[in-house]
C-alpha atoms as a PDB file:
ATOM      1  CA  MET A   1     -13.722  -1.744 -41.529  1.00  0.00           C
ATOM      2  CA  LYS A   2     -15.092  -0.094 -38.369  1.00  0.00           C
ATOM      3  CA  VAL A   3     -15.888  -3.499 -36.856  1.00  0.00           C
ATOM      4  CA  LYS A   4     -12.318  -4.706 -37.463  1.00  0.00           C
ATOM      5  CA  LEU A   5     -10.908  -1.507 -35.942  1.00  0.00           C
ATOM      6  CA  ALA A   6     -13.156  -1.784 -32.877  1.00  0.00           C
ATOM      7  CA  LEU A   7     -12.270  -5.454 -32.463  1.00  0.00           C
ATOM      8  CA  GLY A   8      -8.576  -4.660 -32.812  1.00  0.00           C
ATOM      9  CA  LEU A   9      -8.789  -1.920 -30.183  1.00  0.00           C
ATOM     10  CA  ALA A  10     -10.661  -4.251 -27.825  1.00  0.00           C
ATOM     11  CA  VAL A  11      -7.946  -6.901 -28.194  1.00  0.00           C
ATOM     12  CA  ILE A  12      -5.214  -4.323 -27.535  1.00  0.00           C
ATOM     13  CA  ALA A  13      -7.060  -3.076 -24.438  1.00  0.00           C
ATOM     14  CA  LEU A  14      -7.361  -6.648 -23.175  1.00  0.00           C
ATOM     15  CA  PHE A  15      -3.609  -7.261 -23.567  1.00  0.00           C
ATOM     16  CA  VAL A  16      -2.704  -3.960 -21.898  1.00  0.00           C
ATOM     17  CA  THR A  17      -4.987  -4.716 -18.933  1.00  0.00           C
ATOM     18  CA  ALA A  18      -3.692  -8.282 -18.612  1.00  0.00           C
ATOM     19  CA  SER A  19      -0.107  -7.044 -18.789  1.00  0.00           C
ATOM     20  CA  ALA A  20      -0.704  -4.473 -16.038  1.00  0.00           C
ATOM     21  CA  LEU A  21      -2.348  -7.081 -13.821  1.00  0.00           C
ATOM     22  CA  ALA A  22       0.505  -9.509 -14.395  1.00  0.00           C
ATOM     23  CA  ARG A  23       3.023  -6.920 -13.192  1.00  0.00           C
ATOM     24  CA  SER A  24       1.193  -6.029  -9.993  1.00  0.00           C
ATOM     25  CA  GLY A  25       2.146  -7.893  -6.854  1.00  0.00           C
ATOM     26  CA  LYS A  26      -0.098 -10.108  -4.787  1.00  0.00           C
ATOM     27  CA  GLN A  27       0.853  -7.991  -1.774  1.00  0.00           C
ATOM     28  CA  ASP A  28      -0.797  -4.816  -3.150  1.00  0.00           C
ATOM     29  CA  PHE A  29      -3.118  -3.145  -0.638  1.00  0.00           C
ATOM     30  CA  VAL A  30      -4.915   0.121   0.059  1.00  0.00           C
ATOM     31  CA  LEU A  31      -3.822   2.053   3.148  1.00  0.00           C
ATOM     32  CA  HIS A  32      -6.481   4.227   4.813  1.00  0.00           C
ATOM     33  CA  ASN A  33      -5.365   6.958   7.214  1.00  0.00           C
ATOM     34  CA  LYS A  34      -7.846   7.325  10.084  1.00  0.00           C
ATOM     35  CA  THR A  35      -5.220   8.435  12.619  1.00  0.00           C
ATOM     36  CA  GLY A  36      -6.364  12.034  12.946  1.00  0.00           C
ATOM     37  CA  VAL A  37      -2.951  13.273  11.770  1.00  0.00           C
ATOM     38  CA  GLU A  38      -1.179  13.604   8.452  1.00  0.00           C
ATOM     39  CA  ILE A  39       1.214  10.751   7.697  1.00  0.00           C
ATOM     40  CA  HIS A  40       4.547  12.100   6.462  1.00  0.00           C
ATOM     41  CA  SER A  41       6.304   8.830   5.741  1.00  0.00           C
ATOM     42  CA  LEU A  42       5.320   5.240   5.098  1.00  0.00           C
ATOM     43  CA  TYR A  43       7.721   2.325   5.177  1.00  0.00           C
ATOM     44  CA  VAL A  44       6.822  -1.201   4.108  1.00  0.00           C
ATOM     45  CA  SER A  45       9.617  -3.754   4.296  1.00  0.00           C
ATOM     46  CA  PRO A  46       9.898  -7.538   4.325  1.00  0.00           C
ATOM     47  CA  HIS A  47       9.550  -8.948   7.844  1.00  0.00           C
ATOM     48  CA  SER A  48      12.817 -10.829   7.368  1.00  0.00           C
ATOM     49  CA  THR A  49      14.914  -7.634   7.135  1.00  0.00           C
ATOM     50  CA  ASP A  50      16.009  -5.126   9.773  1.00  0.00           C
ATOM     51  CA  ASP A  51      16.011  -2.236   7.283  1.00  0.00           C
ATOM     52  CA  TRP A  52      12.924  -0.063   6.773  1.00  0.00           C
ATOM     53  CA  GLU A  53      14.128   0.704   3.239  1.00  0.00           C
ATOM     54  CA  GLU A  54      12.793   3.844   1.530  1.00  0.00           C
ATOM     55  CA  ASP A  55       9.715   5.946   2.212  1.00  0.00           C
ATOM     56  CA  VAL A  56       6.897   4.692  -0.036  1.00  0.00           C
ATOM     57  CA  LEU A  57       5.252   8.141  -0.050  1.00  0.00           C
ATOM     58  CA  GLY A  58       8.420   9.864  -1.220  1.00  0.00           C
ATOM     59  CA  VAL A  59       7.839  13.623  -1.085  1.00  0.00           C
ATOM     60  CA  ASP A  60       4.062  13.178  -0.704  1.00  0.00           C
ATOM     61  CA  THR A  61       2.069  12.932   2.519  1.00  0.00           C
ATOM     62  CA  LEU A  62      -1.142  11.099   3.374  1.00  0.00           C
ATOM     63  CA  PRO A  63      -3.657  13.432   5.034  1.00  0.00           C
ATOM     64  CA  ASN A  64      -6.094  12.105   7.623  1.00  0.00           C
ATOM     65  CA  GLY A  65      -9.141  10.603   5.925  1.00  0.00           C
ATOM     66  CA  GLU A  66      -7.260   9.882   2.693  1.00  0.00           C
ATOM     67  CA  SER A  67      -6.090   6.589   1.183  1.00  0.00           C
ATOM     68  CA  VAL A  68      -3.213   5.404  -0.983  1.00  0.00           C
ATOM     69  CA  LYS A  69      -2.695   2.200  -2.952  1.00  0.00           C
ATOM     70  CA  VAL A  70       0.603   0.524  -2.132  1.00  0.00           C
ATOM     71  CA  THR A  71       1.831  -1.625  -5.001  1.00  0.00           C
ATOM     72  CA  PHE A  72       4.547  -4.227  -5.280  1.00  0.00           C
ATOM     73  CA  GLU A  73       6.362  -5.645  -8.253  1.00  0.00           C
ATOM     74  CA  ASP A  74       5.268  -9.125  -9.209  1.00  0.00           C
ATOM     75  CA  ARG A  75       8.774 -10.490  -8.680  1.00  0.00           C
ATOM     76  CA  ASP A  76       8.615  -9.732  -4.941  1.00  0.00           C
ATOM     77  CA  LYS A  77       7.596 -13.009  -3.319  1.00  0.00           C
ATOM     78  CA  HIS A  78       7.690 -12.051   0.386  1.00  0.00           C
ATOM     79  CA  VAL A  79       4.477 -12.824   2.252  1.00  0.00           C
ATOM     80  CA  HIS A  80       5.064 -11.185   5.655  1.00  0.00           C
ATOM     81  CA  TRP A  81       5.783  -7.466   5.882  1.00  0.00           C
ATOM     82  CA  ASP A  82       6.344  -4.778   8.513  1.00  0.00           C
ATOM     83  CA  LEU A  83       4.757  -1.337   8.244  1.00  0.00           C
ATOM     84  CA  LYS A  84       5.839   1.945   9.816  1.00  0.00           C
ATOM     85  CA  VAL A  85       4.299   5.423   9.575  1.00  0.00           C
ATOM     86  CA  THR A  86       5.577   8.727  10.945  1.00  0.00           C
ATOM     87  CA  ASP A  87       4.006  12.137  11.449  1.00  0.00           C
ATOM     88  CA  LYS A  88       5.606  15.564  10.893  1.00  0.00           C
ATOM     89  CA  ASP A  89       7.191  15.480  14.376  1.00  0.00           C
ATOM     90  CA  GLY A  90       8.815  12.090  13.790  1.00  0.00           C
ATOM     91  CA  ASN A  91       6.413  10.158  16.040  1.00  0.00           C
ATOM     92  CA  SER A  92       5.942   6.670  14.649  1.00  0.00           C
ATOM     93  CA  LEU A  93       3.662   3.655  14.782  1.00  0.00           C
ATOM     94  CA  GLU A  94       4.812   0.212  13.689  1.00  0.00           C
ATOM     95  CA  TRP A  95       3.120  -3.062  12.824  1.00  0.00           C
ATOM     96  CA  TYR A  96       4.970  -6.318  12.308  1.00  0.00           C
ATOM     97  CA  ASP A  97       4.488  -9.585  10.447  1.00  0.00           C
ATOM     98  CA  LEU A  98       1.491  -8.550   8.328  1.00  0.00           C
ATOM     99  CA  ASN A  99       0.479 -11.195   5.789  1.00  0.00           C
ATOM    100  CA  LEU A 100      -0.047  -8.937   2.782  1.00  0.00           C
ATOM    101  CA  ILE A 101      -0.942 -11.840   0.484  1.00  0.00           C
ATOM    102  CA  GLU A 102      -4.204 -12.172   2.440  1.00  0.00           C
ATOM    103  CA  THR A 103      -4.691  -8.409   2.888  1.00  0.00           C
ATOM    104  CA  ASP A 104      -6.513  -5.973   0.604  1.00  0.00           C
ATOM    105  CA  GLU A 105      -6.936  -3.027   2.974  1.00  0.00           C
ATOM    106  CA  VAL A 106      -5.153  -1.663   6.037  1.00  0.00           C
ATOM    107  CA  THR A 107      -6.869   1.097   8.030  1.00  0.00           C
ATOM    108  CA  LEU A 108      -4.688   2.883  10.580  1.00  0.00           C
ATOM    109  CA  HIS A 109      -6.189   4.434  13.726  1.00  0.00           C
ATOM    110  CA  TRP A 110      -4.800   6.521  16.592  1.00  0.00           C
ATOM    111  CA  ASP A 111      -6.432   7.341  19.930  1.00  0.00           C
ATOM    112  CA  ALA A 112      -4.493  10.354  21.240  1.00  0.00           C
ATOM    113  CA  SER A 113      -6.192  10.234  24.659  1.00  0.00           C
ATOM    114  CA  LYS A 114      -4.860   6.704  25.235  1.00  0.00           C
ATOM    115  CA  GLY A 115      -1.667   7.063  23.221  1.00  0.00           C
ATOM    116  CA  LYS A 116      -2.638   3.934  21.340  1.00  0.00           C
ATOM    117  CA  GLY A 117      -2.570   3.063  17.654  1.00  0.00           C
ATOM    118  CA  TRP A 118      -4.054   0.061  15.891  1.00  0.00           C
ATOM    119  CA  ALA A 119      -4.752  -1.256  12.422  1.00  0.00           C
ATOM    120  CA  ASP A 120      -7.834  -2.900  10.959  1.00  0.00           C
ATOM    121  CA  ILE A 121      -6.770  -5.501   8.410  1.00  0.00           C
ATOM    122  CA  LYS A 122      -9.129  -6.783   5.705  1.00  0.00           C
END
């Protein structure tokens, strides 16, 4: 009886995991904040649109040194995306035409002395 129960639970766990993986998008990535400032908004929109759409962070922020996983629904088939972040003062950095199908991690950097931002893409 215990073996059947354990086997049944293992099968259920397998289906739940497979279902969750099937729903996640191929564009999912982890964003690392190495800018030295807290990110107050994050926008990720298809490269083909002129609209930044809604803030992915919502009411949350992304402190310096922290990371967040950005997930997409499986039905979203766009490959190229634009990314925009803003700080509490409304200053923003933007990146365009990122191939998120081939990207697992995006690390954002900011050099205040040079007024320059960049992203490491893996």
